[in-house]
N, C-alpha and C. Protein backbone atom coordinates (compact mmCIF):
# COMPACT_ATOMS: atom_id res chain seq x y z
N UNK A 1 0.82 -1.19 -0.06
CA UNK A 1 0.04 0.00 -0.02
C UNK A 1 0.83 1.24 -0.01
N UNK A 2 1.91 1.23 0.72
CA UNK A 2 2.71 2.43 0.84
C UNK A 2 3.36 2.76 -0.51
N UNK A 3 3.70 1.74 -1.26
CA UNK A 3 4.36 1.98 -2.60
C UNK A 3 3.39 2.62 -3.55
N UNK A 4 2.12 2.19 -3.51
CA UNK A 4 1.13 2.84 -4.43
C UNK A 4 0.96 4.29 -4.11
N UNK A 5 0.99 4.64 -2.85
CA UNK A 5 0.92 6.05 -2.47
C UNK A 5 2.12 6.86 -2.99
N UNK A 6 3.29 6.36 -2.89
CA UNK A 6 4.50 7.00 -3.39
C UNK A 6 4.40 7.12 -4.90
N UNK A 7 3.89 6.08 -5.60
CA UNK A 7 3.74 6.19 -7.05
C UNK A 7 2.80 7.28 -7.43
N UNK A 8 1.70 7.39 -6.74
CA UNK A 8 0.72 8.44 -6.98
C UNK A 8 1.36 9.85 -6.78
N UNK A 9 2.19 9.94 -5.74
CA UNK A 9 2.85 11.21 -5.45
C UNK A 9 3.81 11.54 -6.56
N UNK A 10 4.59 10.55 -7.05
CA UNK A 10 5.53 10.80 -8.19
C UNK A 10 4.73 11.23 -9.44
N UNK A 11 3.59 10.65 -9.74
CA UNK A 11 2.81 11.05 -10.88
C UNK A 11 2.28 12.47 -10.71
N UNK A 12 1.90 12.86 -9.52
CA UNK A 12 1.43 14.17 -9.21
C UNK A 12 2.57 15.18 -9.39
N UNK A 13 3.69 14.83 -8.86
CA UNK A 13 4.84 15.69 -8.93
C UNK A 13 5.27 15.86 -10.43
N UNK A 14 5.22 14.82 -11.19
CA UNK A 14 5.54 14.88 -12.58
C UNK A 14 4.57 15.76 -13.36
N UNK A 15 3.27 15.62 -13.00
CA UNK A 15 2.23 16.42 -13.66
C UNK A 15 2.44 17.95 -13.34
N UNK A 16 2.74 18.23 -12.12
CA UNK A 16 2.99 19.63 -11.71
C UNK A 16 4.19 20.19 -12.42
N UNK A 17 5.26 19.36 -12.52
CA UNK A 17 6.47 19.79 -13.22
C UNK A 17 6.16 20.05 -14.71
N UNK A 18 5.40 19.13 -15.34
CA UNK A 18 5.05 19.32 -16.74
C UNK A 18 4.22 20.56 -16.95
N UNK A 19 3.31 20.82 -16.04
CA UNK A 19 2.48 22.03 -16.14
C UNK A 19 3.33 23.27 -16.03
N UNK A 20 4.28 23.32 -15.11
CA UNK A 20 5.18 24.43 -14.93
C UNK A 20 5.95 24.70 -16.23
N UNK A 21 6.56 23.65 -16.79
CA UNK A 21 7.37 23.82 -17.98
C UNK A 21 6.52 24.15 -19.18
N UNK A 22 5.34 23.70 -19.27
CA UNK A 22 4.42 24.09 -20.37
C UNK A 22 4.08 25.56 -20.26
N UNK A 23 3.89 26.09 -19.04
CA UNK A 23 3.61 27.50 -18.90
C UNK A 23 4.82 28.34 -19.24
N UNK A 24 5.98 27.86 -18.85
CA UNK A 24 7.27 28.56 -19.14
C UNK A 24 7.49 28.61 -20.67
N UNK A 25 7.27 27.44 -21.32
CA UNK A 25 7.40 27.44 -22.80
C UNK A 25 6.41 28.42 -23.49
N UNK A 26 5.16 28.47 -22.97
CA UNK A 26 4.24 29.38 -23.52
C UNK A 26 4.65 30.81 -23.35
N UNK A 27 5.16 31.13 -22.13
CA UNK A 27 5.59 32.50 -21.88
C UNK A 27 6.73 32.89 -22.82
N UNK A 28 7.71 31.99 -22.93
CA UNK A 28 8.86 32.29 -23.85
C UNK A 28 8.39 32.40 -25.30
N UNK A 29 7.52 31.53 -25.73
CA UNK A 29 7.01 31.62 -27.12
C UNK A 29 6.27 32.87 -27.41
N UNK A 30 5.47 33.30 -26.39
CA UNK A 30 4.77 34.61 -26.55
C UNK A 30 5.72 35.76 -26.71
N UNK A 31 6.80 35.69 -25.96
CA UNK A 31 7.85 36.78 -25.98
C UNK A 31 8.50 36.74 -27.40
N UNK A 32 8.80 35.53 -27.89
CA UNK A 32 9.43 35.44 -29.23
C UNK A 32 8.48 35.91 -30.30
N UNK A 33 7.20 35.57 -30.20
CA UNK A 33 6.19 35.97 -31.12
C UNK A 33 6.08 37.56 -31.17
N UNK A 34 6.14 38.16 -29.97
CA UNK A 34 6.12 39.61 -29.89
C UNK A 34 7.29 40.22 -30.63
N UNK A 35 8.50 39.60 -30.51
CA UNK A 35 9.67 40.14 -31.15
C UNK A 35 9.53 39.99 -32.63
N UNK A 36 9.02 38.81 -33.11
CA UNK A 36 8.82 38.60 -34.56
C UNK A 36 7.83 39.57 -35.11
N UNK A 37 6.75 39.87 -34.44
CA UNK A 37 5.76 40.86 -34.90
C UNK A 37 6.40 42.20 -34.97
N UNK A 38 7.19 42.64 -33.99
CA UNK A 38 7.88 43.88 -33.99
C UNK A 38 8.79 44.03 -35.18
N UNK A 39 9.57 42.94 -35.39
CA UNK A 39 10.51 42.97 -36.50
C UNK A 39 9.78 43.09 -37.87
N UNK A 40 8.66 42.40 -38.01
CA UNK A 40 7.90 42.46 -39.22
C UNK A 40 7.33 43.86 -39.44
N UNK A 41 6.91 44.51 -38.44
CA UNK A 41 6.42 45.91 -38.53
C UNK A 41 7.52 46.84 -38.96
N UNK A 42 8.72 46.60 -38.37
CA UNK A 42 9.87 47.50 -38.76
C UNK A 42 10.27 47.23 -40.16
N UNK A 43 10.20 45.98 -40.61
CA UNK A 43 10.55 45.69 -42.02
C UNK A 43 9.57 46.31 -42.97
N UNK A 44 8.31 46.30 -42.69
CA UNK A 44 7.26 46.89 -43.49
C UNK A 44 7.49 48.42 -43.59
N UNK A 45 7.85 49.03 -42.45
CA UNK A 45 8.10 50.50 -42.42
C UNK A 45 9.34 50.85 -43.30
N UNK A 46 10.38 50.01 -43.16
CA UNK A 46 11.61 50.25 -43.91
C UNK A 46 11.31 50.05 -45.45
N UNK A 47 10.52 49.06 -45.71
CA UNK A 47 10.17 48.74 -47.12
C UNK A 47 9.40 49.94 -47.75
N UNK A 48 8.41 50.49 -47.00
CA UNK A 48 7.66 51.65 -47.48
C UNK A 48 8.57 52.87 -47.67
N UNK A 49 9.47 53.10 -46.76
CA UNK A 49 10.38 54.18 -46.90
C UNK A 49 11.33 54.05 -48.09
N UNK A 50 11.80 52.84 -48.33
CA UNK A 50 12.65 52.55 -49.43
C UNK A 50 11.89 52.80 -50.77
N UNK A 51 10.66 52.36 -50.83
CA UNK A 51 9.86 52.50 -52.05
C UNK A 51 9.59 54.00 -52.31
N UNK A 52 9.32 54.77 -51.25
CA UNK A 52 9.10 56.19 -51.42
C UNK A 52 10.39 56.90 -51.91
N UNK A 53 11.51 56.44 -51.40
CA UNK A 53 12.78 57.09 -51.80
C UNK A 53 13.07 56.71 -53.30
N UNK A 54 12.83 55.47 -53.68
CA UNK A 54 13.03 55.11 -55.06
C UNK A 54 12.14 55.89 -56.02
N UNK A 55 10.88 56.03 -55.62
CA UNK A 55 9.98 56.82 -56.48
C UNK A 55 10.41 58.27 -56.61
N UNK A 56 10.83 58.87 -55.47
CA UNK A 56 11.27 60.26 -55.48
C UNK A 56 12.53 60.45 -56.40
N UNK A 57 13.41 59.50 -56.31
CA UNK A 57 14.61 59.57 -57.09
C UNK A 57 14.31 59.45 -58.59
N UNK A 58 13.41 58.50 -58.90
CA UNK A 58 13.00 58.28 -60.28
C UNK A 58 12.30 59.53 -60.86
N UNK A 59 11.41 60.09 -60.06
CA UNK A 59 10.69 61.31 -60.51
C UNK A 59 11.67 62.46 -60.73
N UNK A 60 12.72 62.52 -59.88
CA UNK A 60 13.69 63.60 -60.06
C UNK A 60 14.49 63.39 -61.34
N UNK A 61 14.83 62.16 -61.66
CA UNK A 61 15.53 61.85 -62.93
C UNK A 61 14.66 62.14 -64.09
N UNK A 62 13.36 61.77 -64.09
CA UNK A 62 12.47 61.95 -65.17
C UNK A 62 11.73 63.31 -65.16
N UNK A 63 12.18 64.24 -64.33
CA UNK A 63 11.42 65.51 -64.20
C UNK A 63 11.35 66.30 -65.51
N UNK A 64 12.43 66.19 -66.33
CA UNK A 64 12.46 66.98 -67.56
C UNK A 64 11.64 66.34 -68.68
N UNK A 65 11.14 65.16 -68.44
CA UNK A 65 10.32 64.44 -69.39
C UNK A 65 8.87 64.39 -68.94
N UNK A 66 7.93 64.36 -69.84
CA UNK A 66 6.54 64.25 -69.37
C UNK A 66 6.19 62.70 -69.33
N UNK A 67 6.40 62.17 -68.17
CA UNK A 67 6.17 60.74 -67.95
C UNK A 67 4.90 60.58 -67.11
N UNK A 68 3.99 59.79 -67.50
CA UNK A 68 2.77 59.54 -66.78
C UNK A 68 3.02 58.77 -65.53
N UNK A 69 2.17 58.97 -64.49
CA UNK A 69 2.30 58.28 -63.20
C UNK A 69 2.32 56.77 -63.39
N UNK A 70 1.42 56.26 -64.23
CA UNK A 70 1.34 54.80 -64.40
C UNK A 70 2.63 54.26 -65.01
N UNK A 71 3.27 55.09 -65.86
CA UNK A 71 4.56 54.65 -66.39
C UNK A 71 5.67 54.58 -65.38
N UNK A 72 5.67 55.54 -64.45
CA UNK A 72 6.63 55.59 -63.34
C UNK A 72 6.41 54.35 -62.46
N UNK A 73 5.12 54.10 -62.14
CA UNK A 73 4.79 52.86 -61.37
C UNK A 73 5.27 51.61 -62.03
N UNK A 74 5.09 51.56 -63.38
CA UNK A 74 5.52 50.39 -64.14
C UNK A 74 7.07 50.24 -64.08
N UNK A 75 7.79 51.36 -64.19
CA UNK A 75 9.24 51.30 -64.11
C UNK A 75 9.72 50.80 -62.75
N UNK A 76 9.07 51.28 -61.70
CA UNK A 76 9.37 50.81 -60.32
C UNK A 76 9.09 49.36 -60.16
N UNK A 77 7.97 48.92 -60.74
CA UNK A 77 7.60 47.51 -60.65
C UNK A 77 8.66 46.66 -61.36
N UNK A 78 9.06 47.12 -62.53
CA UNK A 78 10.05 46.42 -63.31
C UNK A 78 11.38 46.35 -62.58
N UNK A 79 11.75 47.45 -61.89
CA UNK A 79 13.01 47.53 -61.18
C UNK A 79 13.04 46.49 -60.05
N UNK A 80 11.95 46.29 -59.34
CA UNK A 80 11.88 45.47 -58.17
C UNK A 80 11.45 44.05 -58.52
N UNK A 81 11.08 43.75 -59.77
CA UNK A 81 10.69 42.43 -60.09
C UNK A 81 11.84 41.45 -60.05
N UNK A 82 11.59 40.23 -59.54
CA UNK A 82 12.60 39.27 -59.50
C UNK A 82 12.29 38.20 -60.54
N UNK A 83 13.30 37.86 -61.27
CA UNK A 83 13.13 36.87 -62.35
C UNK A 83 13.78 35.55 -61.97
């Protein structure tokens, strides 16, 4: 009888330990997810700033020509297309 009580205690202790580590894993994963989201937002901001700078530079180069907006957009699309 005493052995079965000890076995039950070991199972309980193991369950408590597993619960603790599951919560710790969840906490760490949430922290990592927050960092990934933050990095993605920064990347999108940098991408938008880079696109605006490209467009401004292209417009400055083509200022002496009468180039339509849709042609400028097409040139930018062509520049950034990957083949």
